[in-house]
Amino acid sequence: MKFTLNLGTKEFTQSHLIVIGTYSKKVKEGKKEVDTPSLTGWPKELKETFSSLKNSDSFKGSTGSKFNFNYEGADVLVLGLGEKAKLDKESLRKEFAKLYKDASKYKKVSIQFDSLVFKGKKEETLEMLAETFEMTAYKYDQYLSDSKKPELKEVIIDSAEKKTSAKKFTKALETAQIKAESINICRDFVNEPPNVLRSTEYAKRVKADASKIKGVKVKVLGKKELQKEKMNLFLSVNDGSAYEPQLVHLTYTPSKVTKKTKHIAFVGKGLVFDTGGYSLKPGGSMVNMKFDMAGSATVYGAFRAAAKLGLDVKITCLLGMTDNAVNSHATMPDAIVKARNGKTVEILNTDAEGRLVMADCLDYACDQKPDAIIDAATLTGACLIALGTEVCGVMANDQKLATSLLKSADNADEYMWQLPIIKEWEKDMKGTISDLKNIGGSRWGGTAKAAAFLQEFVKDDIAWAHLDIAGVGDSQSHLPYCPSKGASGIIVRTLVDYLSNVK
């Protein structure tokens, strides 16, 4: 959608819908204190019309409340924001998402921006508004024969802010739209049906998109190249597939690189469909296994946004793509395979396949000599048992990196919780007739045991963090700016915040 800045005005733009916010405040009525909406900063015409309405007395301006009236043929929506001191960013973001759903019925909407500013942070509020509108507007409707498009084409930002602020405001809008666009591309990849998004098609689409971005180079390794790299664990997962495995190697280099420029590597699990292999999933558990590549889509979304924003950090992004299918060539349980780093792995369960792909990709990532590696994967159902469907699990070999990610999650208002990797779980992943095995001796602590396995493929001198997004990758119905069903794009904003602040 188009955002138009109208700065240096105390008036409102006449449009199909006029939006104005109001906080609630306490006033004394006799001996009692009552809530009433604050109309400070309202245009005179709207203030007078609102105050003249008999039923306006019942509107208190509480959080999420709305009041509608008509002014000269235009609909006016008053959005209650509650007590100013109690409002937080995520609450405001949710109100913006709900506001979009009202505004989407109109072609042209003007917003009295100054009435919505969060704690005086104008650029941050504007970025949050635009980002939330774009995220909420997302629909995955490519395969619907009859799909209604939203009416909303233009959002006008009316503000008394001086016109000299246009550059800062424009940058805030551009940042918001880049991040939201990248989140929505992540969502598209995850939502795409598996009969369309084969590993080869996925790599082709990523390459086509990334090749357009300044400072980005793309290399795709197919089966022959992976054989040369001795990525046998990755190849073992692909053994039953009719489609070649793909390792998409992306590099973003900022325009100015110095000795202080940090280099961060992302690794993403890209299982475009997971049957479980010979350790076959039950039919019900196989539904939605197209989502098993959400880790790769998430890190690509963050990589894409960071590159388009021109962040001052070098980024390597590695996406390991295949499906896990069954045929006469598929890897059997009890097979022993040598990893790229030389360690042997007994594959006791072919449904614990993501960690095999990730293991070789992590070893390959170490060869790029980054300052830190962050991987993302829909790795374990155990993560949902531990943390539910709303929280991303983080495990790390470096507490400074883990703390930075947790801080960025807090900045982005996304939920992340650290789980430990203890020596007993590291020992549990050791094999008896091989160096390692791909599942632990019991089902307990499955998320962190998987991380303990991955840790074996990270060189000791490189900081590493593992994000298990099994719960948060899809269907975040509690967030009004996410689809109630389908890919969420959650954690992209956290990773972009981390890249924006990495030191």
Protein backbone atom coordinates (compact mmCIF):
# COMPACT_ATOMS: atom_id res chain seq x y z
CA MET A 1 0.00 0.00 0.00
CA LYS A 2 1.05 3.61 -0.47
CA PHE A 3 1.96 5.81 2.50
CA THR A 4 1.86 9.59 1.89
CA LEU A 5 3.40 12.08 4.30
CA ASN A 6 1.51 15.35 4.91
CA LEU A 7 3.74 17.24 7.33
CA GLY A 8 3.55 20.74 8.77
CA THR A 9 -0.21 20.73 9.19
CA LYS A 10 -2.63 20.82 12.09
CA GLU A 11 -5.51 20.05 9.76
CA PHE A 12 -6.75 16.67 8.58
CA THR A 13 -6.90 15.39 5.02
CA GLN A 14 -10.42 14.76 3.80
CA SER A 15 -10.64 11.07 2.88
CA HIS A 16 -12.98 8.11 3.07
CA LEU A 17 -11.91 7.38 6.66
CA ILE A 18 -10.30 9.76 9.15
CA VAL A 19 -8.53 8.12 12.10
CA ILE A 20 -7.65 9.95 15.30
CA GLY A 21 -6.36 8.56 18.58
CA THR A 22 -7.09 9.52 22.14
CA TYR A 23 -5.65 8.62 25.50
CA SER A 24 -7.83 8.41 28.57
CA LYS A 25 -7.24 10.64 31.57
CA LYS A 26 -8.62 10.94 35.08
CA VAL A 27 -10.80 13.93 35.94
CA LYS A 28 -12.74 14.73 39.10
CA GLU A 29 -16.53 14.68 39.03
CA GLY A 30 -17.58 15.73 42.49
CA LYS A 31 -15.72 13.43 44.87
CA LYS A 32 -15.09 10.71 42.30
CA GLU A 33 -12.39 10.31 39.65
CA VAL A 34 -13.65 9.20 36.25
CA ASP A 35 -12.01 8.37 32.93
CA THR A 36 -12.49 10.72 30.03
CA PRO A 37 -10.86 10.94 26.59
CA SER A 38 -8.14 13.54 26.09
CA LEU A 39 -8.83 15.61 22.98
CA THR A 40 -5.53 17.51 23.11
CA GLY A 41 -4.20 18.26 19.66
CA TRP A 42 -7.42 17.38 17.84
CA PRO A 43 -8.37 19.55 14.84
CA LYS A 44 -11.00 22.06 15.91
CA GLU A 45 -13.73 20.75 13.56
CA LEU A 46 -13.41 17.14 14.75
CA LYS A 47 -13.25 18.19 18.39
CA GLU A 48 -16.42 20.28 18.12
CA THR A 49 -18.34 17.60 16.18
CA PHE A 50 -17.33 14.85 18.63
CA SER A 51 -18.22 16.94 21.69
CA SER A 52 -21.64 17.82 20.27
CA LEU A 53 -22.67 14.17 19.99
CA LYS A 54 -24.87 12.99 22.86
CA ASN A 55 -23.42 9.50 23.00
CA SER A 56 -19.80 10.78 23.08
CA ASP A 57 -20.13 11.01 26.88
CA SER A 58 -20.07 7.22 27.08
CA PHE A 59 -16.68 6.96 25.31
CA LYS A 60 -13.82 6.91 27.82
CA GLY A 61 -10.84 6.29 25.52
CA SER A 62 -9.94 2.95 27.11
CA THR A 63 -7.47 0.68 25.32
CA GLY A 64 -8.98 -0.83 22.19
CA SER A 65 -12.26 1.08 22.42
CA LYS A 66 -13.60 2.77 19.29
CA PHE A 67 -16.02 5.55 18.56
CA ASN A 68 -17.42 6.27 15.10
CA PHE A 69 -19.09 9.38 13.73
CA ASN A 70 -19.51 11.18 10.43
CA TYR A 71 -17.98 14.49 9.38
CA GLU A 72 -18.97 16.05 6.06
CA GLY A 73 -19.51 12.72 4.36
CA ALA A 74 -16.38 11.04 5.75
CA ASP A 75 -16.33 8.36 8.43
CA VAL A 76 -14.30 9.26 11.51
CA LEU A 77 -12.86 6.55 13.77
CA VAL A 78 -11.64 7.52 17.23
CA LEU A 79 -9.20 4.92 18.59
CA GLY A 80 -8.93 4.64 22.38
CA LEU A 81 -5.38 4.04 23.65
CA GLY A 82 -6.02 3.91 27.40
CA GLU A 83 -3.78 5.51 30.01
CA LYS A 84 -0.62 6.90 28.41
CA ALA A 85 1.67 5.64 31.17
CA LYS A 86 0.40 2.06 30.82
CA LEU A 87 0.65 1.75 27.04
CA ASP A 88 3.49 -0.42 25.71
CA LYS A 89 4.75 -0.98 22.17
CA GLU A 90 3.22 -4.40 21.65
CA SER A 91 -0.19 -3.23 22.87
CA LEU A 92 -0.02 -0.35 20.40
CA ARG A 93 1.13 -2.71 17.62
CA LYS A 94 -1.91 -4.91 18.27
CA GLU A 95 -4.19 -1.88 18.15
CA PHE A 96 -2.64 -0.85 14.84
CA ALA A 97 -3.34 -4.34 13.49
CA LYS A 98 -6.99 -4.11 14.52
CA LEU A 99 -7.12 -0.60 13.07
CA TYR A 100 -5.90 -1.91 9.72
CA LYS A 101 -8.79 -4.38 9.61
CA ASP A 102 -11.23 -1.46 9.98
CA ALA A 103 -9.30 0.75 7.54
CA SER A 104 -9.00 -1.96 4.88
CA LYS A 105 -12.67 -1.45 3.96
CA TYR A 106 -11.86 2.04 2.65
CA LYS A 107 -9.82 3.09 -0.40
CA LYS A 108 -8.23 6.15 1.18
CA VAL A 109 -7.50 6.70 4.87
CA SER A 110 -5.98 9.70 6.63
CA ILE A 111 -4.43 9.25 10.07
CA GLN A 112 -3.96 12.06 12.56
CA PHE A 113 -0.53 10.72 13.40
CA ASP A 114 0.37 13.02 16.31
CA SER A 115 -2.51 11.60 18.34
CA LEU A 116 -1.00 8.07 18.09
CA VAL A 117 2.66 8.78 18.89
CA PHE A 118 4.12 6.42 21.50
CA LYS A 119 5.95 8.26 24.30
CA GLY A 120 7.23 10.98 21.95
CA LYS A 121 9.01 8.47 19.68
CA LYS A 122 7.72 9.69 16.33
CA GLU A 123 9.93 7.78 13.86
CA GLU A 124 9.61 4.56 15.86
CA THR A 125 5.82 4.90 16.02
CA LEU A 126 5.58 5.61 12.29
CA GLU A 127 7.76 2.60 11.49
CA MET A 128 5.66 0.41 13.76
CA LEU A 129 2.41 1.66 12.18
CA ALA A 130 3.53 1.02 8.59
CA GLU A 131 5.16 -2.32 9.43
CA THR A 132 2.05 -3.52 11.25
CA PHE A 133 -0.30 -2.43 8.45
CA GLU A 134 1.81 -4.30 5.87
CA MET A 135 2.08 -7.43 8.04
CA THR A 136 -1.65 -7.44 8.80
CA ALA A 137 -2.55 -6.91 5.14
CA TYR A 138 -0.82 -10.17 4.20
CA LYS A 139 -2.99 -12.82 2.57
CA TYR A 140 -1.95 -16.10 1.02
CA ASP A 141 -4.59 -16.45 -1.67
CA GLN A 142 -2.70 -17.56 -4.80
CA TYR A 143 -4.71 -20.75 -5.06
CA LEU A 144 -8.16 -19.30 -4.40
CA SER A 145 -10.25 -18.91 -7.55
CA ASP A 146 -12.26 -16.11 -5.94
CA SER A 147 -10.30 -13.90 -3.55
CA LYS A 148 -11.31 -10.46 -2.33
CA LYS A 149 -8.58 -7.85 -2.45
CA PRO A 150 -8.45 -5.18 0.28
CA GLU A 151 -9.91 -1.83 -0.69
CA LEU A 152 -7.16 0.21 0.99
CA LYS A 153 -4.78 1.80 -1.51
CA GLU A 154 -3.42 4.89 0.27
CA VAL A 155 -2.70 5.88 3.87
CA ILE A 156 -2.07 9.60 4.46
CA ILE A 157 -0.03 10.56 7.52
CA ASP A 158 -1.18 14.00 8.74
CA SER A 159 1.20 15.57 11.24
CA ALA A 160 2.21 18.97 12.62
CA GLU A 161 5.82 17.76 12.53
CA LYS A 162 8.00 20.20 10.56
CA LYS A 163 8.59 19.45 6.90
CA THR A 164 12.31 19.30 7.66
CA SER A 165 11.57 15.91 9.30
CA ALA A 166 10.46 14.45 5.96
CA LYS A 167 13.79 12.64 5.45
CA LYS A 168 13.62 10.91 8.85
CA PHE A 169 9.95 10.03 8.41
CA THR A 170 10.53 8.72 4.88
CA LYS A 171 13.39 6.53 6.14
CA ALA A 172 11.13 5.12 8.88
CA LEU A 173 8.50 4.23 6.26
CA GLU A 174 11.08 2.63 3.96
CA THR A 175 12.55 0.58 6.83
CA ALA A 176 9.10 -0.63 7.85
CA GLN A 177 8.17 -1.64 4.34
CA ILE A 178 11.45 -3.49 3.72
CA LYS A 179 11.06 -5.48 6.94
CA ALA A 180 7.38 -6.24 6.35
CA GLU A 181 8.01 -7.19 2.72
CA SER A 182 10.75 -9.60 3.82
CA ILE A 183 8.49 -11.10 6.49
CA ASN A 184 5.75 -11.58 3.91
CA ILE A 185 8.16 -13.24 1.47
CA CYS A 186 9.18 -15.58 4.29
CA ARG A 187 5.49 -16.34 4.84
CA ASP A 188 4.94 -17.00 1.12
CA PHE A 189 7.76 -19.55 1.00
CA VAL A 190 6.46 -21.40 4.06
CA ASN A 191 2.85 -21.42 2.85
CA GLU A 192 3.69 -22.66 -0.66
CA PRO A 193 2.44 -26.26 -1.19
CA PRO A 194 5.15 -28.94 -1.30
CA ASN A 195 4.19 -30.20 -4.77
CA VAL A 196 5.16 -26.72 -6.03
CA LEU A 197 8.06 -25.73 -3.76
CA ARG A 198 10.44 -28.61 -4.36
CA SER A 199 14.01 -28.07 -3.19
CA THR A 200 15.11 -27.07 -6.70
CA GLU A 201 12.23 -24.62 -7.13
CA TYR A 202 12.86 -23.12 -3.69
CA ALA A 203 16.54 -22.51 -4.50
CA LYS A 204 15.60 -21.01 -7.86
CA ARG A 205 13.17 -18.54 -6.25
CA VAL A 206 15.60 -17.48 -3.53
CA LYS A 207 18.34 -16.95 -6.10
CA ALA A 208 16.04 -14.87 -8.33
CA ASP A 209 15.00 -12.65 -5.40
CA ALA A 210 18.42 -12.27 -3.76
CA SER A 211 20.25 -11.55 -7.02
CA LYS A 212 18.40 -8.22 -7.27
CA ILE A 213 19.77 -6.93 -3.95
CA LYS A 214 22.82 -4.67 -3.90
CA GLY A 215 25.86 -6.22 -2.21
CA VAL A 216 24.51 -9.79 -2.38
CA LYS A 217 26.17 -12.76 -4.09
CA VAL A 218 24.47 -16.13 -4.59
CA LYS A 219 25.93 -19.58 -5.08
CA VAL A 220 23.88 -22.80 -5.27
CA LEU A 221 25.46 -26.18 -4.54
CA GLY A 222 23.67 -29.21 -6.02
CA LYS A 223 24.21 -32.93 -5.42
CA LYS A 224 27.61 -33.16 -7.14
CA GLU A 225 28.94 -30.15 -5.25
CA LEU A 226 27.64 -31.53 -1.92
CA GLN A 227 29.37 -34.84 -2.67
CA LYS A 228 32.63 -32.98 -3.25
CA GLU A 229 32.09 -31.18 0.07
CA LYS A 230 31.56 -34.60 1.73
CA MET A 231 28.23 -33.45 3.18
CA ASN A 232 27.13 -37.03 3.66
CA LEU A 233 24.64 -36.41 6.46
CA PHE A 234 22.81 -33.87 4.29
CA LEU A 235 22.93 -36.28 1.33
CA SER A 236 21.61 -39.16 3.46
CA VAL A 237 18.40 -37.23 4.12
CA ASN A 238 18.05 -36.63 0.38
CA ASP A 239 18.65 -40.30 -0.58
CA GLY A 240 14.93 -41.09 -0.90
CA SER A 241 14.06 -37.95 -2.86
CA ALA A 242 13.31 -37.54 -6.55
CA TYR A 243 14.73 -34.00 -6.37
CA GLU A 244 18.31 -32.83 -5.90
CA PRO A 245 19.41 -31.33 -2.59
CA GLN A 246 20.33 -27.66 -2.73
CA LEU A 247 22.63 -25.64 -0.52
CA VAL A 248 21.98 -21.97 -1.21
CA HIS A 249 25.00 -19.93 -0.14
CA LEU A 250 24.22 -16.20 0.12
CA THR A 251 26.69 -13.47 1.04
CA TYR A 252 25.95 -9.83 1.80
CA THR A 253 28.88 -7.42 2.03
CA PRO A 254 28.20 -3.82 3.14
CA SER A 255 29.55 -0.95 1.05
CA LYS A 256 32.24 -0.13 3.61
CA VAL A 257 34.13 -2.95 5.32
CA THR A 258 36.74 -2.39 8.02
CA LYS A 259 38.53 -4.58 10.56
CA LYS A 260 35.68 -3.79 12.96
CA THR A 261 32.96 -5.06 10.59
CA LYS A 262 31.32 -8.11 12.14
CA HIS A 263 30.58 -11.24 10.11
CA ILE A 264 27.47 -13.21 11.11
CA ALA A 265 26.45 -16.52 9.57
CA PHE A 266 22.86 -17.75 9.40
CA VAL A 267 22.01 -21.40 8.82
CA GLY A 268 18.43 -22.46 8.05
CA LYS A 269 16.74 -25.83 7.89
CA GLY A 270 14.97 -26.13 4.54
CA LEU A 271 13.05 -29.44 4.63
CA VAL A 272 10.42 -28.64 2.02
CA PHE A 273 8.50 -31.73 3.14
CA ASP A 274 9.17 -34.34 5.81
CA THR A 275 7.51 -37.76 5.68
CA GLY A 276 9.81 -39.01 8.42
CA GLY A 277 11.53 -41.35 5.95
CA TYR A 278 11.49 -45.03 6.98
CA SER A 279 10.63 -43.84 10.50
CA LEU A 280 7.36 -42.80 8.90
CA LYS A 281 5.18 -40.18 10.56
CA PRO A 282 1.52 -41.02 11.27
CA GLY A 283 -0.84 -39.51 8.70
CA GLY A 284 -2.09 -36.78 11.03
CA SER A 285 1.45 -35.71 11.90
CA MET A 286 2.41 -35.46 8.24
CA VAL A 287 -0.11 -32.68 7.55
CA ASN A 288 1.61 -29.27 7.49
CA MET A 289 5.07 -30.79 7.08
CA LYS A 290 5.51 -28.27 4.28
CA PHE A 291 6.27 -25.94 7.21
CA ASP A 292 9.47 -27.87 7.97
CA MET A 293 11.46 -25.36 5.92
CA ALA A 294 10.37 -22.38 8.03
CA GLY A 295 13.83 -22.06 9.59
CA SER A 296 15.41 -21.40 6.19
CA ALA A 297 12.64 -18.95 5.22
CA THR A 298 13.10 -17.12 8.54
CA VAL A 299 16.84 -16.59 8.22
CA TYR A 300 16.43 -15.67 4.55
CA GLY A 301 13.79 -13.09 5.49
CA ALA A 302 16.18 -11.54 8.03
CA PHE A 303 19.13 -11.70 5.60
CA ARG A 304 17.05 -10.07 2.86
CA ALA A 305 15.82 -7.25 5.11
CA ALA A 306 19.31 -6.55 6.47
CA ALA A 307 20.82 -6.44 2.98
CA LYS A 308 18.09 -4.16 1.60
CA LEU A 309 18.49 -1.87 4.62
CA GLY A 310 22.24 -1.72 3.96
CA LEU A 311 23.20 -2.69 7.51
CA ASP A 312 26.86 -2.38 8.44
CA VAL A 313 27.50 -6.10 8.97
CA LYS A 314 28.71 -8.88 6.70
CA ILE A 315 26.24 -11.78 6.53
CA THR A 316 26.58 -15.31 5.23
CA CYS A 317 23.26 -17.15 4.88
CA LEU A 318 23.18 -20.91 4.23
CA LEU A 319 19.92 -22.67 3.38
CA GLY A 320 19.97 -26.48 3.34
CA MET A 321 17.09 -27.65 1.10
CA THR A 322 15.73 -31.13 0.49
CA ASP A 323 12.68 -33.26 1.24
CA ASN A 324 12.71 -36.41 3.37
CA ALA A 325 10.96 -39.08 1.30
CA VAL A 326 10.84 -42.87 1.11
CA ASN A 327 11.98 -45.08 -1.73
CA SER A 328 14.33 -48.05 -2.17
CA HIS A 329 17.35 -45.74 -1.87
CA ALA A 330 16.22 -43.93 1.29
CA THR A 331 18.45 -44.11 4.36
CA MET A 332 17.42 -46.88 6.74
CA PRO A 333 17.42 -46.74 10.54
CA ASP A 334 20.70 -48.12 11.99
CA ALA A 335 22.70 -46.66 9.09
CA ILE A 336 26.05 -45.08 10.03
CA VAL A 337 27.12 -42.05 7.98
CA LYS A 338 30.28 -39.93 8.15
CA ALA A 339 29.64 -36.19 8.49
CA ARG A 340 31.54 -33.43 6.73
CA ASN A 341 33.63 -32.85 9.86
CA GLY A 342 34.68 -36.53 9.94
CA LYS A 343 32.46 -37.67 12.83
CA THR A 344 30.33 -40.76 12.31
CA VAL A 345 26.62 -40.68 13.14
CA GLU A 346 24.33 -43.66 13.74
CA ILE A 347 20.93 -42.71 12.33
CA LEU A 348 18.55 -44.42 14.74
CA ASN A 349 15.53 -42.44 13.60
CA THR A 350 15.20 -41.08 10.06
CA ASP A 351 12.56 -38.62 11.31
CA ALA A 352 15.31 -36.79 13.24
CA GLU A 353 16.56 -35.62 9.85
CA GLY A 354 16.73 -31.84 10.22
CA ARG A 355 19.70 -32.04 12.57
CA LEU A 356 21.58 -34.12 9.97
CA VAL A 357 21.15 -31.45 7.29
CA MET A 358 21.98 -28.71 9.79
CA ALA A 359 25.08 -30.54 11.06
CA ASP A 360 26.88 -30.48 7.71
CA CYS A 361 25.69 -26.93 7.03
CA LEU A 362 27.03 -25.75 10.40
CA ASP A 363 30.43 -27.31 9.67
CA TYR A 364 30.42 -25.58 6.26
CA ALA A 365 29.44 -22.31 7.98
CA CYS A 366 32.47 -22.57 10.29
CA ASP A 367 34.74 -22.62 7.24
CA GLN A 368 33.43 -19.14 6.34
CA LYS A 369 35.12 -17.90 9.56
CA PRO A 370 32.23 -15.81 10.95
CA ASP A 371 32.27 -14.10 14.33
CA ALA A 372 29.04 -15.91 15.23
CA ILE A 373 26.65 -18.48 13.79
CA ILE A 374 22.89 -18.42 14.36
CA ASP A 375 20.77 -21.27 13.07
CA ALA A 376 16.98 -21.54 12.91
CA ALA A 377 14.94 -24.70 12.49
CA THR A 378 11.57 -26.27 13.15
CA LEU A 379 13.64 -28.94 14.85
CA THR A 380 11.68 -30.64 17.62
CA GLY A 381 8.11 -31.27 18.69
CA ALA A 382 9.60 -31.29 22.20
CA CYS A 383 10.00 -27.52 21.94
CA LEU A 384 6.21 -27.17 21.83
CA ILE A 385 5.93 -29.33 24.96
CA ALA A 386 8.53 -27.20 26.75
CA LEU A 387 7.57 -23.71 25.60
CA GLY A 388 4.18 -23.93 23.90
CA THR A 389 3.35 -22.52 20.50
CA GLU A 390 4.16 -18.89 21.33
CA VAL A 391 7.81 -19.06 22.45
CA CYS A 392 11.02 -19.63 20.48
CA GLY A 393 13.66 -21.72 22.22
CA VAL A 394 17.28 -20.52 22.17
CA MET A 395 20.32 -22.63 23.10
CA ALA A 396 23.92 -21.49 22.76
CA ASN A 397 27.58 -22.20 23.45
CA ASP A 398 28.15 -18.50 24.15
CA GLN A 399 26.16 -16.59 26.76
CA LYS A 400 26.95 -13.16 25.31
CA LEU A 401 25.37 -14.20 21.99
CA ALA A 402 22.35 -15.74 23.72
CA THR A 403 21.86 -12.58 25.81
CA SER A 404 22.06 -10.39 22.70
CA LEU A 405 19.38 -12.48 20.97
CA LEU A 406 17.13 -12.39 24.03
CA LYS A 407 17.53 -8.60 24.16
CA SER A 408 16.67 -8.30 20.45
CA ALA A 409 13.60 -10.51 20.95
CA ASP A 410 12.51 -8.16 23.72
CA ASN A 411 13.11 -5.15 21.46
CA ALA A 412 10.96 -6.77 18.77
CA ASP A 413 8.28 -7.87 21.28
CA GLU A 414 8.76 -11.51 20.28
CA TYR A 415 8.95 -14.31 22.84
CA MET A 416 12.24 -16.19 23.26
CA TRP A 417 13.43 -18.32 26.15
CA GLN A 418 16.84 -19.87 26.80
CA LEU A 419 17.18 -23.60 27.43
CA PRO A 420 20.39 -25.21 28.75
CA ILE A 421 22.77 -27.64 27.07
CA ILE A 422 24.17 -29.71 29.95
CA LYS A 423 27.06 -32.20 29.90
CA GLU A 424 24.72 -35.12 30.62
CA TRP A 425 22.79 -34.40 27.40
CA GLU A 426 26.02 -34.03 25.44
CA LYS A 427 27.03 -37.47 26.76
CA ASP A 428 23.61 -38.92 25.86
CA MET A 429 24.18 -38.05 22.18
CA LYS A 430 27.41 -40.07 22.05
CA GLY A 431 27.19 -43.35 20.14
CA THR A 432 28.36 -46.85 21.10
CA ILE A 433 29.41 -48.07 17.63
CA SER A 434 29.71 -44.55 16.16
CA ASP A 435 30.90 -41.17 17.39
CA LEU A 436 27.37 -39.85 17.70
CA LYS A 437 23.75 -40.94 17.35
CA ASN A 438 20.99 -38.72 16.03
CA ILE A 439 18.54 -39.21 18.92
CA GLY A 440 18.98 -39.38 22.67
CA GLY A 441 18.45 -42.36 24.93
CA SER A 442 15.08 -41.02 26.16
CA ARG A 443 12.43 -38.58 24.95
CA TRP A 444 13.06 -36.16 27.84
CA GLY A 445 14.83 -32.89 27.10
CA GLY A 446 14.53 -33.54 23.37
CA THR A 447 14.94 -29.92 22.28
CA ALA A 448 18.21 -29.32 24.11
CA LYS A 449 19.53 -32.80 23.26
CA ALA A 450 19.07 -31.93 19.60
CA ALA A 451 21.05 -28.74 20.27
CA ALA A 452 23.75 -30.81 22.01
CA PHE A 453 24.01 -32.86 18.80
CA LEU A 454 24.32 -29.73 16.62
CA GLN A 455 26.97 -28.31 18.95
CA GLU A 456 29.26 -31.18 17.90
CA PHE A 457 29.55 -29.56 14.47
CA VAL A 458 30.51 -26.06 15.63
CA LYS A 459 34.20 -25.33 16.06
CA ASP A 460 35.05 -24.36 19.62
CA ASP A 461 36.22 -20.83 18.86
CA ILE A 462 32.99 -19.71 17.13
CA ALA A 463 30.02 -18.35 19.09
CA TRP A 464 26.85 -20.23 18.12
CA ALA A 465 23.15 -20.08 18.93
CA HIS A 466 20.38 -22.44 17.89
CA LEU A 467 16.78 -21.20 17.55
CA ASP A 468 14.07 -23.84 17.64
CA ILE A 469 11.07 -22.17 15.98
CA ALA A 470 8.86 -25.28 15.87
CA GLY A 471 6.18 -23.52 17.92
CA VAL A 472 6.30 -20.00 16.53
CA GLY A 473 6.75 -20.64 12.82
CA ASP A 474 3.05 -20.84 12.06
CA SER A 475 -0.50 -20.11 13.23
CA GLN A 476 0.07 -17.35 15.80
CA SER A 477 -3.64 -16.66 16.22
CA HIS A 478 -3.06 -14.59 19.39
CA LEU A 479 -1.30 -11.92 17.29
CA PRO A 480 -3.69 -9.82 15.18
CA TYR A 481 -0.87 -8.86 12.78
CA CYS A 482 -0.24 -12.54 11.95
CA PRO A 483 -2.57 -14.83 9.97
CA SER A 484 -4.61 -17.02 12.34
CA LYS A 485 -3.55 -20.00 10.20
CA GLY A 486 -0.38 -20.35 8.19
CA ALA A 487 3.15 -18.98 8.34
CA SER A 488 3.80 -16.27 10.93
CA GLY A 489 7.16 -14.73 9.98
CA ILE A 490 7.91 -14.47 13.69
CA ILE A 491 11.62 -14.10 14.65
CA VAL A 492 12.54 -12.23 11.44
CA ARG A 493 12.21 -8.91 13.31
CA THR A 494 14.31 -10.25 16.20
CA LEU A 495 17.13 -11.25 13.87
CA VAL A 496 17.02 -7.91 12.01
CA ASP A 497 17.24 -6.10 15.36
CA TYR A 498 20.22 -8.28 16.32
CA LEU A 499 22.01 -7.50 13.04
CA SER A 500 21.24 -3.78 13.49
CA ASN A 501 22.95 -3.74 16.89
CA VAL A 502 25.69 -6.37 16.63
CA LYS A 503 29.04 -5.25 18.05
